[in-house]
Amino acid sequence: MRRSALGLTSGLAMLATLNFATGEPAQPYTPGLVEFMAHVQNHHVKLWLAGNARNWELADYQADELKELLEDIAKRVPKYRDVPVGQMIETTTMKPLGDIEGAIKARDFAKFSAAFDRLTAACNACHEAANRGFIVIQRPATSPFPNQSFAPRRK
């Protein structure tokens, strides 16, 4: 009984790696630009919510995650429909992100807020340049994460 269950499990695992239409090995899933940008948007929102709450530890974490994700996108999607995505990320978003990191280290909300607005404007400039000006990013008005507190933790 145990041997047949193991054989069945192995057989199912092998079938899961095949493309049923062609019988060829299945290709690993590669997210498209829209999937990456959905993650960027989540980090952008969380960055604002953390900074607005003066939770500098969380804001620092979100800024780092956002920067890492944008660097990954620049490498994985250097060009999208003749738009130089990687180059645009480097030239438009990295400076405002650096300014955000500096404001977070200084725990300066006024500088954080101004840098966040510059980052948001950079996102919108990229969308315009990519003929996607209908995608407009802004400061979040509310949290779409009701299960997460953005307040600094009490020590």
N, C-alpha and C. Protein backbone atom coordinates (compact mmCIF):
# COMPACT_ATOMS: atom_id res chain seq x y z
N MET A 1 0.83 -1.20 0.00
CA MET A 1 0.00 0.00 0.00
C MET A 1 0.87 1.25 0.00
N ARG A 2 1.86 1.29 0.88
CA ARG A 2 2.72 2.46 0.97
C ARG A 2 3.52 2.65 -0.31
N ARG A 3 3.99 1.55 -0.90
CA ARG A 3 4.78 1.62 -2.11
C ARG A 3 3.95 2.21 -3.26
N SER A 4 2.70 1.83 -3.39
CA SER A 4 1.88 2.34 -4.48
C SER A 4 1.55 3.82 -4.27
N ALA A 5 1.39 4.25 -3.04
CA ALA A 5 1.13 5.67 -2.77
C ALA A 5 2.36 6.50 -3.15
N LEU A 6 3.54 5.97 -2.84
CA LEU A 6 4.78 6.67 -3.19
C LEU A 6 4.93 6.75 -4.71
N GLY A 7 4.59 5.64 -5.39
CA GLY A 7 4.66 5.62 -6.85
C GLY A 7 3.68 6.60 -7.46
N LEU A 8 2.48 6.65 -6.92
CA LEU A 8 1.48 7.59 -7.41
C LEU A 8 1.93 9.03 -7.21
N THR A 9 2.48 9.33 -6.03
CA THR A 9 2.96 10.68 -5.75
C THR A 9 4.09 11.05 -6.70
N SER A 10 5.02 10.12 -6.94
CA SER A 10 6.13 10.39 -7.86
C SER A 10 5.61 10.60 -9.27
N GLY A 11 4.64 9.78 -9.66
CA GLY A 11 4.07 9.92 -11.00
C GLY A 11 3.36 11.24 -11.18
N LEU A 12 2.62 11.67 -10.17
CA LEU A 12 1.94 12.96 -10.24
C LEU A 12 2.93 14.11 -10.30
N ALA A 13 4.00 14.00 -9.53
CA ALA A 13 5.02 15.04 -9.54
C ALA A 13 5.67 15.14 -10.91
N MET A 14 5.92 13.98 -11.55
CA MET A 14 6.52 13.98 -12.87
C MET A 14 5.55 14.58 -13.89
N LEU A 15 4.27 14.23 -13.80
CA LEU A 15 3.28 14.78 -14.72
C LEU A 15 3.14 16.29 -14.56
N ALA A 16 3.28 16.77 -13.33
CA ALA A 16 3.13 18.21 -13.08
C ALA A 16 4.21 19.02 -13.77
N THR A 17 5.33 18.38 -14.13
CA THR A 17 6.42 19.10 -14.79
C THR A 17 6.30 19.05 -16.31
N LEU A 18 5.25 18.40 -16.84
CA LEU A 18 5.07 18.30 -18.28
C LEU A 18 3.98 19.24 -18.77
N ASN A 19 4.17 19.76 -19.96
CA ASN A 19 3.14 20.54 -20.63
C ASN A 19 2.21 19.54 -21.30
N PHE A 20 0.95 19.47 -20.87
CA PHE A 20 0.04 18.46 -21.38
C PHE A 20 -0.22 18.60 -22.87
N ALA A 21 -0.17 19.80 -23.40
CA ALA A 21 -0.46 20.00 -24.82
C ALA A 21 0.65 19.44 -25.71
N THR A 22 1.89 19.55 -25.26
CA THR A 22 3.01 19.15 -26.12
C THR A 22 3.78 17.95 -25.58
N GLY A 23 3.63 17.63 -24.31
CA GLY A 23 4.42 16.56 -23.71
C GLY A 23 5.83 17.00 -23.36
N GLU A 24 6.15 18.25 -23.65
CA GLU A 24 7.47 18.82 -23.36
C GLU A 24 7.53 19.24 -21.89
N PRO A 25 8.74 19.38 -21.34
CA PRO A 25 8.85 19.88 -19.96
C PRO A 25 8.22 21.27 -19.85
N ALA A 26 7.49 21.49 -18.77
CA ALA A 26 6.86 22.79 -18.53
C ALA A 26 7.92 23.83 -18.21
N GLN A 27 7.70 25.04 -18.67
CA GLN A 27 8.61 26.14 -18.37
C GLN A 27 8.23 26.76 -17.03
N PRO A 28 9.22 27.20 -16.26
CA PRO A 28 8.86 27.85 -14.99
C PRO A 28 8.09 29.14 -15.25
N TYR A 29 7.22 29.46 -14.33
CA TYR A 29 6.42 30.68 -14.45
C TYR A 29 7.33 31.90 -14.31
N THR A 30 7.19 32.82 -15.24
CA THR A 30 7.93 34.07 -15.18
C THR A 30 6.90 35.20 -15.10
N PRO A 31 6.90 35.94 -14.00
CA PRO A 31 5.93 37.04 -13.90
C PRO A 31 6.18 38.10 -14.96
N GLY A 32 5.11 38.72 -15.40
CA GLY A 32 5.22 39.82 -16.34
C GLY A 32 5.39 41.14 -15.58
N LEU A 33 5.57 42.19 -16.33
CA LEU A 33 5.78 43.51 -15.73
C LEU A 33 4.62 43.91 -14.82
N VAL A 34 3.39 43.59 -15.21
CA VAL A 34 2.24 43.98 -14.40
C VAL A 34 2.27 43.31 -13.02
N GLU A 35 2.71 42.06 -12.97
CA GLU A 35 2.80 41.38 -11.66
C GLU A 35 3.87 42.03 -10.79
N PHE A 36 4.98 42.37 -11.40
CA PHE A 36 6.03 43.06 -10.64
C PHE A 36 5.53 44.42 -10.14
N MET A 37 4.83 45.14 -10.99
CA MET A 37 4.36 46.48 -10.61
C MET A 37 3.29 46.42 -9.51
N ALA A 38 2.52 45.34 -9.46
CA ALA A 38 1.56 45.19 -8.36
C ALA A 38 2.31 45.10 -7.04
N HIS A 39 3.45 44.43 -7.04
CA HIS A 39 4.26 44.35 -5.82
C HIS A 39 4.89 45.71 -5.49
N VAL A 40 5.31 46.42 -6.53
CA VAL A 40 5.85 47.77 -6.31
C VAL A 40 4.79 48.63 -5.64
N GLN A 41 3.58 48.55 -6.14
CA GLN A 41 2.49 49.36 -5.58
C GLN A 41 2.25 49.01 -4.11
N ASN A 42 2.30 47.74 -3.76
CA ASN A 42 2.12 47.35 -2.35
C ASN A 42 3.22 47.95 -1.47
N HIS A 43 4.45 47.86 -1.92
CA HIS A 43 5.56 48.43 -1.12
C HIS A 43 5.45 49.95 -1.03
N HIS A 44 5.01 50.58 -2.12
CA HIS A 44 4.83 52.04 -2.14
C HIS A 44 3.80 52.44 -1.09
N VAL A 45 2.69 51.73 -1.05
CA VAL A 45 1.63 52.02 -0.07
C VAL A 45 2.16 51.82 1.35
N LYS A 46 2.79 50.67 1.58
CA LYS A 46 3.28 50.37 2.93
C LYS A 46 4.37 51.34 3.36
N LEU A 47 5.18 51.77 2.42
CA LEU A 47 6.22 52.76 2.74
C LEU A 47 5.58 54.05 3.24
N TRP A 48 4.55 54.53 2.54
CA TRP A 48 3.88 55.75 2.98
C TRP A 48 3.22 55.56 4.34
N LEU A 49 2.49 54.47 4.49
CA LEU A 49 1.77 54.25 5.74
C LEU A 49 2.73 54.15 6.93
N ALA A 50 3.86 53.50 6.73
CA ALA A 50 4.85 53.39 7.81
C ALA A 50 5.47 54.75 8.12
N GLY A 51 5.88 55.48 7.09
CA GLY A 51 6.48 56.80 7.30
C GLY A 51 5.50 57.79 7.89
N ASN A 52 4.29 57.76 7.42
CA ASN A 52 3.25 58.66 7.93
C ASN A 52 2.99 58.40 9.41
N ALA A 53 3.13 57.13 9.83
CA ALA A 53 2.93 56.76 11.24
C ALA A 53 4.22 56.97 12.05
N ARG A 54 5.27 57.44 11.39
CA ARG A 54 6.59 57.64 12.02
C ARG A 54 7.14 56.31 12.55
N ASN A 55 6.80 55.23 11.87
CA ASN A 55 7.37 53.92 12.19
C ASN A 55 8.61 53.78 11.29
N TRP A 56 9.70 54.38 11.73
CA TRP A 56 10.90 54.48 10.90
C TRP A 56 11.54 53.12 10.62
N GLU A 57 11.40 52.21 11.56
CA GLU A 57 11.95 50.86 11.35
C GLU A 57 11.22 50.16 10.19
N LEU A 58 9.90 50.23 10.20
CA LEU A 58 9.12 49.63 9.13
C LEU A 58 9.31 50.39 7.82
N ALA A 59 9.37 51.69 7.88
CA ALA A 59 9.59 52.49 6.66
C ALA A 59 10.93 52.13 6.03
N ASP A 60 11.96 51.96 6.85
CA ASP A 60 13.27 51.58 6.35
C ASP A 60 13.20 50.22 5.66
N TYR A 61 12.50 49.28 6.28
CA TYR A 61 12.33 47.95 5.70
C TYR A 61 11.61 48.04 4.36
N GLN A 62 10.54 48.81 4.29
CA GLN A 62 9.77 48.92 3.05
C GLN A 62 10.58 49.63 1.95
N ALA A 63 11.34 50.64 2.32
CA ALA A 63 12.18 51.33 1.33
C ALA A 63 13.21 50.36 0.75
N ASP A 64 13.81 49.56 1.62
CA ASP A 64 14.80 48.58 1.17
C ASP A 64 14.15 47.53 0.26
N GLU A 65 12.98 47.04 0.64
CA GLU A 65 12.28 46.05 -0.18
C GLU A 65 11.89 46.64 -1.54
N LEU A 66 11.43 47.89 -1.54
CA LEU A 66 11.05 48.55 -2.78
C LEU A 66 12.26 48.73 -3.69
N LYS A 67 13.36 49.16 -3.12
CA LYS A 67 14.58 49.36 -3.90
C LYS A 67 15.05 48.03 -4.50
N GLU A 68 15.05 46.99 -3.69
CA GLU A 68 15.47 45.67 -4.15
C GLU A 68 14.55 45.18 -5.28
N LEU A 69 13.27 45.36 -5.13
CA LEU A 69 12.31 44.94 -6.16
C LEU A 69 12.52 45.72 -7.45
N LEU A 70 12.71 47.03 -7.36
CA LEU A 70 12.93 47.83 -8.57
C LEU A 70 14.23 47.41 -9.27
N GLU A 71 15.26 47.10 -8.49
CA GLU A 71 16.51 46.61 -9.08
C GLU A 71 16.28 45.28 -9.80
N ASP A 72 15.49 44.40 -9.20
CA ASP A 72 15.16 43.12 -9.84
C ASP A 72 14.39 43.34 -11.14
N ILE A 73 13.44 44.25 -11.13
CA ILE A 73 12.66 44.53 -12.34
C ILE A 73 13.58 45.06 -13.43
N ALA A 74 14.49 45.96 -13.08
CA ALA A 74 15.41 46.53 -14.07
C ALA A 74 16.23 45.43 -14.74
N LYS A 75 16.59 44.41 -13.98
CA LYS A 75 17.36 43.29 -14.54
C LYS A 75 16.48 42.33 -15.34
N ARG A 76 15.30 42.01 -14.81
CA ARG A 76 14.44 40.99 -15.42
C ARG A 76 13.61 41.52 -16.59
N VAL A 77 13.28 42.79 -16.55
CA VAL A 77 12.47 43.38 -17.62
C VAL A 77 13.17 44.66 -18.10
N PRO A 78 14.34 44.50 -18.71
CA PRO A 78 15.07 45.70 -19.12
C PRO A 78 14.33 46.50 -20.19
N LYS A 79 13.50 45.81 -20.97
CA LYS A 79 12.74 46.47 -22.02
C LYS A 79 11.35 45.86 -22.09
N TYR A 80 10.35 46.71 -22.23
CA TYR A 80 8.97 46.26 -22.38
C TYR A 80 8.33 47.04 -23.51
N ARG A 81 7.96 46.35 -24.59
CA ARG A 81 7.36 47.00 -25.76
C ARG A 81 8.16 48.22 -26.20
N ASP A 82 9.42 48.03 -26.38
CA ASP A 82 10.36 49.08 -26.81
C ASP A 82 10.55 50.21 -25.80
N VAL A 83 10.09 50.02 -24.58
CA VAL A 83 10.29 51.00 -23.52
C VAL A 83 11.45 50.51 -22.65
N PRO A 84 12.48 51.32 -22.47
CA PRO A 84 13.64 50.90 -21.67
C PRO A 84 13.37 50.95 -20.16
N VAL A 85 12.60 49.98 -19.68
CA VAL A 85 12.14 49.96 -18.29
C VAL A 85 13.31 50.02 -17.32
N GLY A 86 14.31 49.18 -17.55
CA GLY A 86 15.46 49.14 -16.64
C GLY A 86 16.15 50.48 -16.52
N GLN A 87 16.39 51.10 -17.65
CA GLN A 87 17.04 52.42 -17.66
C GLN A 87 16.17 53.47 -16.99
N MET A 88 14.87 53.43 -17.24
CA MET A 88 13.96 54.40 -16.64
C MET A 88 13.93 54.25 -15.12
N ILE A 89 13.95 53.02 -14.65
CA ILE A 89 13.98 52.80 -13.20
C ILE A 89 15.24 53.42 -12.61
N GLU A 90 16.36 53.15 -13.25
CA GLU A 90 17.64 53.68 -12.74
C GLU A 90 17.65 55.21 -12.72
N THR A 91 17.19 55.83 -13.79
CA THR A 91 17.31 57.28 -13.91
C THR A 91 16.23 58.07 -13.17
N THR A 92 15.08 57.45 -12.92
CA THR A 92 14.00 58.24 -12.31
C THR A 92 13.67 57.89 -10.86
N THR A 93 13.82 56.63 -10.47
CA THR A 93 13.35 56.26 -9.13
C THR A 93 14.44 56.13 -8.08
N MET A 94 15.66 55.84 -8.49
CA MET A 94 16.69 55.56 -7.49
C MET A 94 17.09 56.80 -6.67
N LYS A 95 17.11 57.96 -7.28
CA LYS A 95 17.45 59.19 -6.53
C LYS A 95 16.39 59.50 -5.47
N PRO A 96 15.10 59.53 -5.83
CA PRO A 96 14.10 59.77 -4.79
C PRO A 96 14.11 58.69 -3.70
N LEU A 97 14.38 57.45 -4.08
CA LEU A 97 14.46 56.39 -3.07
C LEU A 97 15.63 56.63 -2.12
N GLY A 98 16.75 57.10 -2.66
CA GLY A 98 17.89 57.45 -1.80
C GLY A 98 17.53 58.58 -0.85
N ASP A 99 16.78 59.56 -1.35
CA ASP A 99 16.34 60.68 -0.51
C ASP A 99 15.40 60.18 0.60
N ILE A 100 14.55 59.23 0.25
CA ILE A 100 13.65 58.64 1.26
C ILE A 100 14.46 57.95 2.33
N GLU A 101 15.45 57.17 1.92
CA GLU A 101 16.30 56.47 2.89
C GLU A 101 17.00 57.45 3.82
N GLY A 102 17.49 58.56 3.27
CA GLY A 102 18.13 59.59 4.10
C GLY A 102 17.16 60.22 5.10
N ALA A 103 15.94 60.49 4.63
CA ALA A 103 14.93 61.08 5.52
C ALA A 103 14.53 60.11 6.63
N ILE A 104 14.48 58.83 6.29
CA ILE A 104 14.13 57.82 7.29
C ILE A 104 15.23 57.76 8.35
N LYS A 105 16.48 57.74 7.91
CA LYS A 105 17.61 57.70 8.87
C LYS A 105 17.59 58.92 9.78
N ALA A 106 17.22 60.07 9.21
CA ALA A 106 17.15 61.31 9.99
C ALA A 106 15.85 61.40 10.80
N ARG A 107 14.92 60.50 10.54
CA ARG A 107 13.61 60.52 11.18
C ARG A 107 12.93 61.89 11.00
N ASP A 108 13.01 62.35 9.75
CA ASP A 108 12.50 63.66 9.39
C ASP A 108 11.28 63.49 8.48
N PHE A 109 10.09 63.67 9.05
CA PHE A 109 8.88 63.44 8.29
C PHE A 109 8.72 64.42 7.14
N ALA A 110 9.09 65.67 7.32
CA ALA A 110 8.95 66.65 6.24
C ALA A 110 9.79 66.23 5.03
N LYS A 111 11.02 65.81 5.28
CA LYS A 111 11.89 65.36 4.18
C LYS A 111 11.37 64.05 3.60
N PHE A 112 10.89 63.17 4.47
CA PHE A 112 10.33 61.90 3.99
C PHE A 112 9.15 62.16 3.06
N SER A 113 8.25 63.02 3.50
CA SER A 113 7.05 63.33 2.74
C SER A 113 7.40 63.92 1.37
N ALA A 114 8.33 64.86 1.35
CA ALA A 114 8.74 65.49 0.09
C ALA A 114 9.40 64.46 -0.84
N ALA A 115 10.26 63.62 -0.28
CA ALA A 115 10.93 62.60 -1.09
C ALA A 115 9.93 61.56 -1.60
N PHE A 116 8.96 61.21 -0.77
CA PHE A 116 7.94 60.26 -1.19
C PHE A 116 7.14 60.84 -2.36
N ASP A 117 6.81 62.12 -2.28
CA ASP A 117 6.08 62.76 -3.38
C ASP A 117 6.92 62.79 -4.66
N ARG A 118 8.25 62.99 -4.52
CA ARG A 118 9.13 62.95 -5.70
C ARG A 118 9.18 61.54 -6.29
N LEU A 119 9.21 60.53 -5.43
CA LEU A 119 9.19 59.15 -5.91
C LEU A 119 7.88 58.88 -6.66
N THR A 120 6.78 59.31 -6.10
CA THR A 120 5.48 59.11 -6.73
C THR A 120 5.42 59.83 -8.07
N ALA A 121 5.95 61.03 -8.14
CA ALA A 121 6.00 61.77 -9.41
C ALA A 121 6.89 61.03 -10.42
N ALA A 122 7.98 60.42 -9.95
CA ALA A 122 8.86 59.66 -10.83
C ALA A 122 8.12 58.45 -11.40
N CYS A 123 7.33 57.79 -10.56
CA CYS A 123 6.53 56.65 -11.05
C CYS A 123 5.59 57.11 -12.15
N ASN A 124 4.92 58.21 -11.92
CA ASN A 124 3.97 58.72 -12.91
C ASN A 124 4.68 59.18 -14.18
N ALA A 125 5.88 59.74 -14.05
CA ALA A 125 6.65 60.14 -15.23
C ALA A 125 7.03 58.92 -16.06
N CYS A 126 7.39 57.83 -15.39
CA CYS A 126 7.69 56.59 -16.12
C CYS A 126 6.45 56.09 -16.85
N HIS A 127 5.31 56.13 -16.18
CA HIS A 127 4.07 55.68 -16.82
C HIS A 127 3.77 56.53 -18.05
N GLU A 128 3.94 57.83 -17.94
CA GLU A 128 3.72 58.72 -19.09
C GLU A 128 4.67 58.37 -20.24
N ALA A 129 5.96 58.22 -19.92
CA ALA A 129 6.96 57.91 -20.94
C ALA A 129 6.72 56.57 -21.61
N ALA A 130 6.09 55.66 -20.88
CA ALA A 130 5.80 54.32 -21.41
C ALA A 130 4.43 54.23 -22.07
N ASN A 131 3.82 55.39 -22.31
CA ASN A 131 2.47 55.44 -22.89
C ASN A 131 1.45 54.72 -22.01
N ARG A 132 1.65 54.82 -20.72
CA ARG A 132 0.72 54.25 -19.74
C ARG A 132 0.31 55.34 -18.74
N GLY A 133 0.15 56.55 -19.24
CA GLY A 133 -0.20 57.69 -18.40
C GLY A 133 -1.53 57.55 -17.69
N PHE A 134 -2.33 56.60 -18.11
CA PHE A 134 -3.61 56.34 -17.43
C PHE A 134 -3.40 55.64 -16.09
N ILE A 135 -2.17 55.17 -15.83
CA ILE A 135 -1.84 54.59 -14.52
C ILE A 135 -1.26 55.72 -13.68
N VAL A 136 -2.04 56.23 -12.76
CA VAL A 136 -1.63 57.36 -11.93
C VAL A 136 -1.52 56.91 -10.48
N ILE A 137 -0.34 57.07 -9.92
CA ILE A 137 -0.07 56.68 -8.55
C ILE A 137 -0.16 57.94 -7.67
N GLN A 138 -0.61 57.76 -6.44
CA GLN A 138 -0.74 58.88 -5.50
C GLN A 138 -0.46 58.39 -4.08
N ARG A 139 -0.39 59.34 -3.18
CA ARG A 139 -0.29 58.96 -1.76
C ARG A 139 -1.54 58.18 -1.38
N PRO A 140 -1.37 57.11 -0.63
CA PRO A 140 -2.56 56.37 -0.21
C PRO A 140 -3.40 57.19 0.78
N ALA A 141 -4.70 57.16 0.59
CA ALA A 141 -5.61 57.87 1.50
C ALA A 141 -6.00 56.98 2.68
N THR A 142 -6.03 55.67 2.44
CA THR A 142 -6.38 54.70 3.48
C THR A 142 -5.49 53.48 3.31
N SER A 143 -5.53 52.61 4.29
CA SER A 143 -4.75 51.38 4.23
C SER A 143 -5.57 50.25 3.63
N PRO A 144 -5.03 49.59 2.61
CA PRO A 144 -5.71 48.39 2.10
C PRO A 144 -5.29 47.14 2.90
N PHE A 145 -4.55 47.35 3.98
CA PHE A 145 -4.05 46.26 4.81
C PHE A 145 -4.64 46.35 6.22
N PRO A 146 -5.91 46.00 6.38
CA PRO A 146 -6.54 46.15 7.69
C PRO A 146 -5.96 45.23 8.76
N ASN A 147 -5.21 44.23 8.35
CA ASN A 147 -4.65 43.30 9.32
C ASN A 147 -3.21 43.65 9.72
N GLN A 148 -2.73 44.82 9.30
CA GLN A 148 -1.37 45.23 9.67
C GLN A 148 -1.41 46.59 10.34
N SER A 149 -0.72 46.69 11.46
CA SER A 149 -0.58 47.97 12.14
C SER A 149 0.68 48.64 11.61
N PHE A 150 0.59 49.90 11.33
CA PHE A 150 1.74 50.66 10.85
C PHE A 150 2.32 51.54 11.95
N ALA A 151 1.69 51.53 13.11
CA ALA A 151 2.19 52.31 14.25
C ALA A 151 3.51 51.72 14.74
N PRO A 152 4.40 52.58 15.22
CA PRO A 152 5.64 52.05 15.79
C PRO A 152 5.34 51.11 16.95
N ARG A 153 6.13 50.09 17.09
CA ARG A 153 5.90 49.16 18.20
C ARG A 153 6.39 49.78 19.48
N ARG A 154 5.72 49.44 20.52
CA ARG A 154 6.09 49.95 21.85
C ARG A 154 7.14 49.03 22.43
N LYS A 155 8.15 49.64 22.99
CA LYS A 155 9.25 48.85 23.58
C LYS A 155 9.19 48.87 25.07
